[in-house]
Amino acid sequence: EPKLSDSGDYTCSIIDEGEETLSDIQLHVREKCPTWATFLLVL
């Protein structure tokens, strides 16, 4: 259930003898189309 506030830069790291970054992911959570906007478009 991603939220707008979940948008950001996520890093996956593995830590054993040192720390190694495995992946960097930039997550963008878009706002869903409001019901009223859909209604206006259909109208």
ModelCIF file with pLDDT and N, C-alpha, C, O atoms, coordinates in Angstrom:
data_MODEL
#
_entry.id   MODEL 
#
_entity.id                         1 
_entity.type                       polymer 
_entity.pdbx_number_of_molecules   1 
#
_entity_poly.entity_id                      1 
_entity_poly.type                           'polypeptide(L)' 
_entity_poly.nstd_linkage                   no 
_entity_poly.nstd_monomer                   no 
_entity_poly.pdbx_seq_one_letter_code       EPKLSDSGDYTCSIIDEGEETLSDIQLHVREKCPTWATFLLVL 
_entity_poly.pdbx_seq_one_letter_code_can   EPKLSDSGDYTCSIIDEGEETLSDIQLHVREKCPTWATFLLVL 
_entity_poly.pdbx_strand_id                 A 
#
loop_
_entity_poly_seq.entity_id 
_entity_poly_seq.num 
_entity_poly_seq.mon_id 
_entity_poly_seq.hetero 
1 1  GLU n 
1 2  PRO n 
1 3  LYS n 
1 4  LEU n 
1 5  SER n 
1 6  ASP n 
1 7  SER n 
1 8  GLY n 
1 9  ASP n 
1 10 TYR n 
1 11 THR n 
1 12 CYS n 
1 13 SER n 
1 14 ILE n 
1 15 ILE n 
1 16 ASP n 
1 17 GLU n 
1 18 GLY n 
1 19 GLU n 
1 20 GLU n 
1 21 THR n 
1 22 LEU n 
1 23 SER n 
1 24 ASP n 
1 25 ILE n 
1 26 GLN n 
1 27 LEU n 
1 28 HIS n 
1 29 VAL n 
1 30 ARG n 
1 31 GLU n 
1 32 LYS n 
1 33 CYS n 
1 34 PRO n 
1 35 THR n 
1 36 TRP n 
1 37 ALA n 
1 38 THR n 
1 39 PHE n 
1 40 LEU n 
1 41 LEU n 
1 42 VAL n 
1 43 LEU n 
#
_struct_asym.id          A 
_struct_asym.entity_id   1 
#
loop_
_ma_qa_metric.id 
_ma_qa_metric.mode 
_ma_qa_metric.name 
_ma_qa_metric.software_group_id 
_ma_qa_metric.type 
1 global pLDDT . pLDDT 
2 local  pLDDT . pLDDT 
#
_ma_qa_metric_global.metric_id      1 
_ma_qa_metric_global.metric_value   87.14 
_ma_qa_metric_global.model_id       1 
_ma_qa_metric_global.ordinal_id     1 
#
loop_
_ma_qa_metric_local.label_asym_id 
_ma_qa_metric_local.label_comp_id 
_ma_qa_metric_local.label_seq_id 
_ma_qa_metric_local.metric_id 
_ma_qa_metric_local.metric_value 
_ma_qa_metric_local.model_id 
_ma_qa_metric_local.ordinal_id 
A GLU 1  2 95.00 1 1  
A PRO 2  2 96.00 1 2  
A LYS 3  2 94.00 1 3  
A LEU 4  2 94.00 1 4  
A SER 5  2 95.00 1 5  
A ASP 6  2 97.00 1 6  
A SER 7  2 97.00 1 7  
A GLY 8  2 96.00 1 8  
A ASP 9  2 97.00 1 9  
A TYR 10 2 97.00 1 10 
A THR 11 2 96.00 1 11 
A CYS 12 2 95.00 1 12 
A SER 13 2 94.00 1 13 
A ILE 14 2 91.00 1 14 
A ILE 15 2 87.00 1 15 
A ASP 16 2 82.00 1 16 
A GLU 17 2 78.00 1 17 
A GLY 18 2 80.00 1 18 
A GLU 19 2 83.00 1 19 
A GLU 20 2 85.00 1 20 
A THR 21 2 86.00 1 21 
A LEU 22 2 88.00 1 22 
A SER 23 2 90.00 1 23 
A ASP 24 2 94.00 1 24 
A ILE 25 2 95.00 1 25 
A GLN 26 2 96.00 1 26 
A LEU 27 2 97.00 1 27 
A HIS 28 2 95.00 1 28 
A VAL 29 2 96.00 1 29 
A ARG 30 2 92.00 1 30 
A GLU 31 2 88.00 1 31 
A LYS 32 2 79.00 1 32 
A CYS 33 2 70.00 1 33 
A PRO 34 2 69.00 1 34 
A THR 35 2 72.00 1 35 
A TRP 36 2 74.00 1 36 
A ALA 37 2 71.00 1 37 
A THR 38 2 73.00 1 38 
A PHE 39 2 75.00 1 39 
A LEU 40 2 78.00 1 40 
A LEU 41 2 79.00 1 41 
A VAL 42 2 80.00 1 42 
A LEU 43 2 81.00 1 43 
#
loop_
_atom_site.group_PDB 
_atom_site.id 
_atom_site.type_symbol 
_atom_site.label_atom_id 
_atom_site.label_alt_id 
_atom_site.label_comp_id 
_atom_site.label_asym_id 
_atom_site.label_entity_id 
_atom_site.label_seq_id 
_atom_site.pdbx_PDB_ins_code 
_atom_site.Cartn_x 
_atom_site.Cartn_y 
_atom_site.Cartn_z 
_atom_site.occupancy 
_atom_site.B_iso_or_equiv 
_atom_site.pdbx_formal_charge 
_atom_site.auth_seq_id 
_atom_site.auth_comp_id 
_atom_site.auth_asym_id 
_atom_site.auth_atom_id 
_atom_site.pdbx_PDB_model_num 
ATOM 1   N N  . GLU A 1 1  ? 0.811   -1.217 0.000   1.00 95.00 ? 1  GLU A N  1 
ATOM 2   C CA . GLU A 1 1  ? 0.000   0.000  0.000   1.00 95.00 ? 1  GLU A CA 1 
ATOM 3   C C  . GLU A 1 1  ? 0.850   1.277  0.000   1.00 95.00 ? 1  GLU A C  1 
ATOM 4   O O  . GLU A 1 1  ? 0.812   2.054  0.954   1.00 95.00 ? 1  GLU A O  1 
ATOM 5   N N  . PRO A 1 2  ? 1.620   1.485  -1.081  1.00 96.00 ? 2  PRO A N  1 
ATOM 6   C CA . PRO A 1 2  ? 2.475   2.679  -1.125  1.00 96.00 ? 2  PRO A CA 1 
ATOM 7   C C  . PRO A 1 2  ? 1.674   3.974  -1.009  1.00 96.00 ? 2  PRO A C  1 
ATOM 8   O O  . PRO A 1 2  ? 0.588   4.114  -1.570  1.00 96.00 ? 2  PRO A O  1 
ATOM 9   N N  . LYS A 1 3  ? 2.247   4.914  -0.262  1.00 94.00 ? 3  LYS A N  1 
ATOM 10  C CA . LYS A 1 3  ? 1.623   6.217  -0.019  1.00 94.00 ? 3  LYS A CA 1 
ATOM 11  C C  . LYS A 1 3  ? 2.469   7.297  -0.690  1.00 94.00 ? 3  LYS A C  1 
ATOM 12  O O  . LYS A 1 3  ? 3.621   7.054  -1.051  1.00 94.00 ? 3  LYS A O  1 
ATOM 13  N N  . LEU A 1 4  ? 1.899   8.484  -0.854  1.00 94.00 ? 4  LEU A N  1 
ATOM 14  C CA . LEU A 1 4  ? 2.651   9.592  -1.438  1.00 94.00 ? 4  LEU A CA 1 
ATOM 15  C C  . LEU A 1 4  ? 3.940   9.846  -0.663  1.00 94.00 ? 4  LEU A C  1 
ATOM 16  O O  . LEU A 1 4  ? 4.979   10.145 -1.252  1.00 94.00 ? 4  LEU A O  1 
ATOM 17  N N  . SER A 1 5  ? 3.867   9.722  0.676   1.00 95.00 ? 5  SER A N  1 
ATOM 18  C CA . SER A 1 5  ? 5.036   9.979  1.519   1.00 95.00 ? 5  SER A CA 1 
ATOM 19  C C  . SER A 1 5  ? 6.120   8.915  1.363   1.00 95.00 ? 5  SER A C  1 
ATOM 20  O O  . SER A 1 5  ? 7.233   9.107  1.854   1.00 95.00 ? 5  SER A O  1 
ATOM 21  N N  . ASP A 1 6  ? 5.826   7.797  0.693   1.00 97.00 ? 6  ASP A N  1 
ATOM 22  C CA . ASP A 1 6  ? 6.826   6.758  0.444   1.00 97.00 ? 6  ASP A CA 1 
ATOM 23  C C  . ASP A 1 6  ? 7.751   7.118  -0.717  1.00 97.00 ? 6  ASP A C  1 
ATOM 24  O O  . ASP A 1 6  ? 8.758   6.444  -0.935  1.00 97.00 ? 6  ASP A O  1 
ATOM 25  N N  . SER A 1 7  ? 7.421   8.168  -1.460  1.00 97.00 ? 7  SER A N  1 
ATOM 26  C CA . SER A 1 7  ? 8.294   8.599  -2.557  1.00 97.00 ? 7  SER A CA 1 
ATOM 27  C C  . SER A 1 7  ? 9.647   8.990  -1.992  1.00 97.00 ? 7  SER A C  1 
ATOM 28  O O  . SER A 1 7  ? 9.735   9.721  -1.005  1.00 97.00 ? 7  SER A O  1 
ATOM 29  N N  . GLY A 1 8  ? 10.711  8.492  -2.635  1.00 96.00 ? 8  GLY A N  1 
ATOM 30  C CA . GLY A 1 8  ? 12.050  8.833  -2.162  1.00 96.00 ? 8  GLY A CA 1 
ATOM 31  C C  . GLY A 1 8  ? 13.082  7.875  -2.718  1.00 96.00 ? 8  GLY A C  1 
ATOM 32  O O  . GLY A 1 8  ? 12.775  7.025  -3.553  1.00 96.00 ? 8  GLY A O  1 
ATOM 33  N N  . ASP A 1 9  ? 14.319  8.022  -2.242  1.00 97.00 ? 9  ASP A N  1 
ATOM 34  C CA . ASP A 1 9  ? 15.444  7.216  -2.696  1.00 97.00 ? 9  ASP A CA 1 
ATOM 35  C C  . ASP A 1 9  ? 15.720  6.099  -1.692  1.00 97.00 ? 9  ASP A C  1 
ATOM 36  O O  . ASP A 1 9  ? 16.028  6.356  -0.528  1.00 97.00 ? 9  ASP A O  1 
ATOM 37  N N  . TYR A 1 10 ? 15.604  4.860  -2.158  1.00 97.00 ? 10 TYR A N  1 
ATOM 38  C CA . TYR A 1 10 ? 15.802  3.673  -1.322  1.00 97.00 ? 10 TYR A CA 1 
ATOM 39  C C  . TYR A 1 10 ? 17.123  3.015  -1.701  1.00 97.00 ? 10 TYR A C  1 
ATOM 40  O O  . TYR A 1 10 ? 17.467  2.915  -2.878  1.00 97.00 ? 10 TYR A O  1 
ATOM 41  N N  . THR A 1 11 ? 17.852  2.571  -0.691  1.00 96.00 ? 11 THR A N  1 
ATOM 42  C CA . THR A 1 11 ? 19.129  1.908  -0.914  1.00 96.00 ? 11 THR A CA 1 
ATOM 43  C C  . THR A 1 11 ? 19.097  0.526  -0.282  1.00 96.00 ? 11 THR A C  1 
ATOM 44  O O  . THR A 1 11 ? 18.698  0.360  0.871   1.00 96.00 ? 11 THR A O  1 
ATOM 45  N N  . CYS A 1 12 ? 19.526  -0.467 -1.061  1.00 95.00 ? 12 CYS A N  1 
ATOM 46  C CA . CYS A 1 12 ? 19.665  -1.838 -0.569  1.00 95.00 ? 12 CYS A CA 1 
ATOM 47  C C  . CYS A 1 12 ? 21.159  -2.081 -0.371  1.00 95.00 ? 12 CYS A C  1 
ATOM 48  O O  . CYS A 1 12 ? 21.938  -1.991 -1.321  1.00 95.00 ? 12 CYS A O  1 
ATOM 49  N N  . SER A 1 13 ? 21.553  -2.387 0.855   1.00 94.00 ? 13 SER A N  1 
ATOM 50  C CA . SER A 1 13 ? 22.963  -2.609 1.164   1.00 94.00 ? 13 SER A CA 1 
ATOM 51  C C  . SER A 1 13 ? 23.139  -3.962 1.824   1.00 94.00 ? 13 SER A C  1 
ATOM 52  O O  . SER A 1 13 ? 22.248  -4.460 2.512   1.00 94.00 ? 13 SER A O  1 
ATOM 53  N N  . ILE A 1 14 ? 24.297  -4.543 1.602   1.00 91.00 ? 14 ILE A N  1 
ATOM 54  C CA . ILE A 1 14 ? 24.652  -5.780 2.283   1.00 91.00 ? 14 ILE A CA 1 
ATOM 55  C C  . ILE A 1 14 ? 25.841  -5.468 3.193   1.00 91.00 ? 14 ILE A C  1 
ATOM 56  O O  . ILE A 1 14 ? 26.816  -4.839 2.781   1.00 91.00 ? 14 ILE A O  1 
ATOM 57  N N  . ILE A 1 15 ? 25.732  -5.918 4.414   1.00 87.00 ? 15 ILE A N  1 
ATOM 58  C CA . ILE A 1 15 ? 26.776  -5.648 5.395   1.00 87.00 ? 15 ILE A CA 1 
ATOM 59  C C  . ILE A 1 15 ? 27.307  -6.997 5.872   1.00 87.00 ? 15 ILE A C  1 
ATOM 60  O O  . ILE A 1 15 ? 26.589  -7.766 6.510   1.00 87.00 ? 15 ILE A O  1 
ATOM 61  N N  . ASP A 1 16 ? 28.575  -7.276 5.557   1.00 82.00 ? 16 ASP A N  1 
ATOM 62  C CA . ASP A 1 16 ? 29.224  -8.469 6.107   1.00 82.00 ? 16 ASP A CA 1 
ATOM 63  C C  . ASP A 1 16 ? 30.541  -7.994 6.715   1.00 82.00 ? 16 ASP A C  1 
ATOM 64  O O  . ASP A 1 16 ? 30.534  -7.540 7.859   1.00 82.00 ? 16 ASP A O  1 
ATOM 65  N N  . GLU A 1 17 ? 31.648  -8.074 6.023   1.00 78.00 ? 17 GLU A N  1 
ATOM 66  C CA . GLU A 1 17 ? 32.900  -7.517 6.550   1.00 78.00 ? 17 GLU A CA 1 
ATOM 67  C C  . GLU A 1 17 ? 32.950  -6.011 6.347   1.00 78.00 ? 17 GLU A C  1 
ATOM 68  O O  . GLU A 1 17 ? 33.635  -5.305 7.088   1.00 78.00 ? 17 GLU A O  1 
ATOM 69  N N  . GLY A 1 18 ? 32.240  -5.523 5.363   1.00 80.00 ? 18 GLY A N  1 
ATOM 70  C CA . GLY A 1 18 ? 32.128  -4.094 5.091   1.00 80.00 ? 18 GLY A CA 1 
ATOM 71  C C  . GLY A 1 18 ? 30.692  -3.828 4.693   1.00 80.00 ? 18 GLY A C  1 
ATOM 72  O O  . GLY A 1 18 ? 29.808  -4.633 4.984   1.00 80.00 ? 18 GLY A O  1 
ATOM 73  N N  . GLU A 1 19 ? 30.450  -2.721 4.038   1.00 83.00 ? 19 GLU A N  1 
ATOM 74  C CA . GLU A 1 19 ? 29.096  -2.417 3.546   1.00 83.00 ? 19 GLU A CA 1 
ATOM 75  C C  . GLU A 1 19 ? 29.179  -2.161 2.061   1.00 83.00 ? 19 GLU A C  1 
ATOM 76  O O  . GLU A 1 19 ? 30.024  -1.394 1.599   1.00 83.00 ? 19 GLU A O  1 
ATOM 77  N N  . GLU A 1 20 ? 28.298  -2.805 1.309   1.00 85.00 ? 20 GLU A N  1 
ATOM 78  C CA . GLU A 1 20 ? 28.270  -2.651 -0.141  1.00 85.00 ? 20 GLU A CA 1 
ATOM 79  C C  . GLU A 1 20 ? 26.852  -2.309 -0.576  1.00 85.00 ? 20 GLU A C  1 
ATOM 80  O O  . GLU A 1 20 ? 25.900  -2.997 -0.208  1.00 85.00 ? 20 GLU A O  1 
ATOM 81  N N  . THR A 1 21 ? 26.715  -1.244 -1.360  1.00 86.00 ? 21 THR A N  1 
ATOM 82  C CA . THR A 1 21 ? 25.409  -0.871 -1.901  1.00 86.00 ? 21 THR A CA 1 
ATOM 83  C C  . THR A 1 21 ? 25.127  -1.750 -3.109  1.00 86.00 ? 21 THR A C  1 
ATOM 84  O O  . THR A 1 21 ? 25.919  -1.815 -4.048  1.00 86.00 ? 21 THR A O  1 
ATOM 85  N N  . LEU A 1 22 ? 23.984  -2.426 -3.069  1.00 88.00 ? 22 LEU A N  1 
ATOM 86  C CA . LEU A 1 22 ? 23.607  -3.313 -4.168  1.00 88.00 ? 22 LEU A CA 1 
ATOM 87  C C  . LEU A 1 22 ? 22.681  -2.630 -5.157  1.00 88.00 ? 22 LEU A C  1 
ATOM 88  O O  . LEU A 1 22 ? 22.787  -2.854 -6.363  1.00 88.00 ? 22 LEU A O  1 
ATOM 89  N N  . SER A 1 23 ? 21.781  -1.806 -4.666  1.00 90.00 ? 23 SER A N  1 
ATOM 90  C CA . SER A 1 23 ? 20.886  -1.102 -5.582  1.00 90.00 ? 23 SER A CA 1 
ATOM 91  C C  . SER A 1 23 ? 20.380  0.184  -4.955  1.00 90.00 ? 23 SER A C  1 
ATOM 92  O O  . SER A 1 23 ? 20.207  0.289  -3.741  1.00 90.00 ? 23 SER A O  1 
ATOM 93  N N  . ASP A 1 24 ? 20.148  1.159  -5.824  1.00 94.00 ? 24 ASP A N  1 
ATOM 94  C CA . ASP A 1 24 ? 19.535  2.436  -5.451  1.00 94.00 ? 24 ASP A CA 1 
ATOM 95  C C  . ASP A 1 24 ? 18.272  2.559  -6.277  1.00 94.00 ? 24 ASP A C  1 
ATOM 96  O O  . ASP A 1 24 ? 18.304  2.469  -7.504  1.00 94.00 ? 24 ASP A O  1 
ATOM 97  N N  . ILE A 1 25 ? 17.165  2.764  -5.596  1.00 95.00 ? 25 ILE A N  1 
ATOM 98  C CA . ILE A 1 25 ? 15.885  2.856  -6.294  1.00 95.00 ? 25 ILE A CA 1 
ATOM 99  C C  . ILE A 1 25 ? 15.186  4.150  -5.908  1.00 95.00 ? 25 ILE A C  1 
ATOM 100 O O  . ILE A 1 25 ? 15.026  4.469  -4.730  1.00 95.00 ? 25 ILE A O  1 
ATOM 101 N N  . GLN A 1 26 ? 14.780  4.877  -6.927  1.00 96.00 ? 26 GLN A N  1 
ATOM 102 C CA . GLN A 1 26 ? 14.028  6.105  -6.714  1.00 96.00 ? 26 GLN A CA 1 
ATOM 103 C C  . GLN A 1 26 ? 12.552  5.767  -6.941  1.00 96.00 ? 26 GLN A C  1 
ATOM 104 O O  . GLN A 1 26 ? 12.123  5.512  -8.066  1.00 96.00 ? 26 GLN A O  1 
ATOM 105 N N  . LEU A 1 27 ? 11.792  5.771  -5.856  1.00 97.00 ? 27 LEU A N  1 
ATOM 106 C CA . LEU A 1 27 ? 10.369  5.435  -5.927  1.00 97.00 ? 27 LEU A CA 1 
ATOM 107 C C  . LEU A 1 27 ? 9.547   6.706  -6.038  1.00 97.00 ? 27 LEU A C  1 
ATOM 108 O O  . LEU A 1 27 ? 9.699   7.639  -5.249  1.00 97.00 ? 27 LEU A O  1 
ATOM 109 N N  . HIS A 1 28 ? 8.671   6.721  -7.041  1.00 95.00 ? 28 HIS A N  1 
ATOM 110 C CA . HIS A 1 28 ? 7.729   7.833  -7.231  1.00 95.00 ? 28 HIS A CA 1 
ATOM 111 C C  . HIS A 1 28 ? 6.322   7.262  -7.053  1.00 95.00 ? 28 HIS A C  1 
ATOM 112 O O  . HIS A 1 28 ? 5.894   6.401  -7.822  1.00 95.00 ? 28 HIS A O  1 
ATOM 113 N N  . VAL A 1 29 ? 5.613   7.742  -6.045  1.00 96.00 ? 29 VAL A N  1 
ATOM 114 C CA . VAL A 1 29 ? 4.229   7.326  -5.843  1.00 96.00 ? 29 VAL A CA 1 
ATOM 115 C C  . VAL A 1 29 ? 3.347   8.470  -6.322  1.00 96.00 ? 29 VAL A C  1 
ATOM 116 O O  . VAL A 1 29 ? 3.354   9.566  -5.761  1.00 96.00 ? 29 VAL A O  1 
ATOM 117 N N  . ARG A 1 30 ? 2.580   8.182  -7.387  1.00 92.00 ? 30 ARG A N  1 
ATOM 118 C CA . ARG A 1 30 ? 1.683   9.193  -7.975  1.00 92.00 ? 30 ARG A CA 1 
ATOM 119 C C  . ARG A 1 30 ? 0.351   9.190  -7.238  1.00 92.00 ? 30 ARG A C  1 
ATOM 120 O O  . ARG A 1 30 ? -0.119  8.157  -6.761  1.00 92.00 ? 30 ARG A O  1 
ATOM 121 N N  . GLU A 1 31 ? -0.234  10.361 -7.160  1.00 88.00 ? 31 GLU A N  1 
ATOM 122 C CA . GLU A 1 31 ? -1.557  10.495 -6.554  1.00 88.00 ? 31 GLU A CA 1 
ATOM 123 C C  . GLU A 1 31 ? -2.583  9.860  -7.487  1.00 88.00 ? 31 GLU A C  1 
ATOM 124 O O  . GLU A 1 31 ? -2.541  10.060 -8.701  1.00 88.00 ? 31 GLU A O  1 
ATOM 125 N N  . LYS A 1 32 ? -3.504  9.094  -6.907  1.00 79.00 ? 32 LYS A N  1 
ATOM 126 C CA . LYS A 1 32 ? -4.539  8.500  -7.753  1.00 79.00 ? 32 LYS A CA 1 
ATOM 127 C C  . LYS A 1 32 ? -5.515  9.588  -8.180  1.00 79.00 ? 32 LYS A C  1 
ATOM 128 O O  . LYS A 1 32 ? -5.688  10.603 -7.507  1.00 79.00 ? 32 LYS A O  1 
ATOM 129 N N  . CYS A 1 33 ? -6.133  9.342  -9.302  1.00 70.00 ? 33 CYS A N  1 
ATOM 130 C CA . CYS A 1 33 ? -7.084  10.309 -9.846  1.00 70.00 ? 33 CYS A CA 1 
ATOM 131 C C  . CYS A 1 33 ? -8.288  10.393 -8.905  1.00 70.00 ? 33 CYS A C  1 
ATOM 132 O O  . CYS A 1 33 ? -8.925  9.377  -8.627  1.00 70.00 ? 33 CYS A O  1 
ATOM 133 N N  . PRO A 1 34 ? -8.605  11.594 -8.412  1.00 69.00 ? 34 PRO A N  1 
ATOM 134 C CA . PRO A 1 34 ? -9.749  11.717 -7.498  1.00 69.00 ? 34 PRO A CA 1 
ATOM 135 C C  . PRO A 1 34 ? -11.059 11.311 -8.189  1.00 69.00 ? 34 PRO A C  1 
ATOM 136 O O  . PRO A 1 34 ? -11.216 11.488 -9.397  1.00 69.00 ? 34 PRO A O  1 
ATOM 137 N N  . THR A 1 35 ? -11.978 10.774 -7.416  1.00 72.00 ? 35 THR A N  1 
ATOM 138 C CA . THR A 1 35 ? -13.268 10.329 -7.938  1.00 72.00 ? 35 THR A CA 1 
ATOM 139 C C  . THR A 1 35 ? -14.009 11.469 -8.627  1.00 72.00 ? 35 THR A C  1 
ATOM 140 O O  . THR A 1 35 ? -14.628 11.270 -9.672  1.00 72.00 ? 35 THR A O  1 
ATOM 141 N N  . TRP A 1 36 ? -13.945 12.682 -8.033  1.00 74.00 ? 36 TRP A N  1 
ATOM 142 C CA . TRP A 1 36 ? -14.671 13.802 -8.623  1.00 74.00 ? 36 TRP A CA 1 
ATOM 143 C C  . TRP A 1 36 ? -14.112 14.152 -10.008 1.00 74.00 ? 36 TRP A C  1 
ATOM 144 O O  . TRP A 1 36 ? -14.867 14.567 -10.887 1.00 74.00 ? 36 TRP A O  1 
ATOM 145 N N  . ALA A 1 37 ? -12.809 13.989 -10.208 1.00 71.00 ? 37 ALA A N  1 
ATOM 146 C CA . ALA A 1 37 ? -12.214 14.293 -11.513 1.00 71.00 ? 37 ALA A CA 1 
ATOM 147 C C  . ALA A 1 37 ? -12.673 13.282 -12.561 1.00 71.00 ? 37 ALA A C  1 
ATOM 148 O O  . ALA A 1 37 ? -12.959 13.645 -13.702 1.00 71.00 ? 37 ALA A O  1 
ATOM 149 N N  . THR A 1 38 ? -12.740 12.020 -12.170 1.00 73.00 ? 38 THR A N  1 
ATOM 150 C CA . THR A 1 38 ? -13.235 10.976 -13.073 1.00 73.00 ? 38 THR A CA 1 
ATOM 151 C C  . THR A 1 38 ? -14.686 11.256 -13.440 1.00 73.00 ? 38 THR A C  1 
ATOM 152 O O  . THR A 1 38 ? -15.067 11.133 -14.604 1.00 73.00 ? 38 THR A O  1 
ATOM 153 N N  . PHE A 1 39 ? -15.502 11.633 -12.448 1.00 75.00 ? 39 PHE A N  1 
ATOM 154 C CA . PHE A 1 39 ? -16.916 11.951 -12.681 1.00 75.00 ? 39 PHE A CA 1 
ATOM 155 C C  . PHE A 1 39 ? -17.038 13.116 -13.675 1.00 75.00 ? 39 PHE A C  1 
ATOM 156 O O  . PHE A 1 39 ? -17.848 13.063 -14.600 1.00 75.00 ? 39 PHE A O  1 
ATOM 157 N N  . LEU A 1 40 ? -16.233 14.164 -13.478 1.00 78.00 ? 40 LEU A N  1 
ATOM 158 C CA . LEU A 1 40 ? -16.292 15.316 -14.383 1.00 78.00 ? 40 LEU A CA 1 
ATOM 159 C C  . LEU A 1 40 ? -15.884 14.950 -15.805 1.00 78.00 ? 40 LEU A C  1 
ATOM 160 O O  . LEU A 1 40 ? -16.470 15.447 -16.766 1.00 78.00 ? 40 LEU A O  1 
ATOM 161 N N  . LEU A 1 41 ? -14.888 14.090 -15.944 1.00 79.00 ? 41 LEU A N  1 
ATOM 162 C CA . LEU A 1 41 ? -14.454 13.655 -17.267 1.00 79.00 ? 41 LEU A CA 1 
ATOM 163 C C  . LEU A 1 41 ? -15.564 12.880 -17.974 1.00 79.00 ? 41 LEU A C  1 
ATOM 164 O O  . LEU A 1 41 ? -15.822 13.110 -19.155 1.00 79.00 ? 41 LEU A O  1 
ATOM 165 N N  . VAL A 1 42 ? -16.222 11.965 -17.263 1.00 80.00 ? 42 VAL A N  1 
ATOM 166 C CA . VAL A 1 42 ? -17.329 11.196 -17.850 1.00 80.00 ? 42 VAL A CA 1 
ATOM 167 C C  . VAL A 1 42 ? -18.469 12.131 -18.223 1.00 80.00 ? 42 VAL A C  1 
ATOM 168 O O  . VAL A 1 42 ? -19.059 11.989 -19.294 1.00 80.00 ? 42 VAL A O  1 
ATOM 169 N N  . LEU A 1 43 ? -18.786 13.085 -17.356 1.00 81.00 ? 43 LEU A N  1 
ATOM 170 C CA . LEU A 1 43 ? -19.854 14.047 -17.626 1.00 81.00 ? 43 LEU A CA 1 
ATOM 171 C C  . LEU A 1 43 ? -19.522 14.883 -18.869 1.00 81.00 ? 43 LEU A C  1 
ATOM 172 O O  . LEU A 1 43 ? -20.305 15.750 -19.257 1.00 81.00 ? 43 LEU A O  1 
#
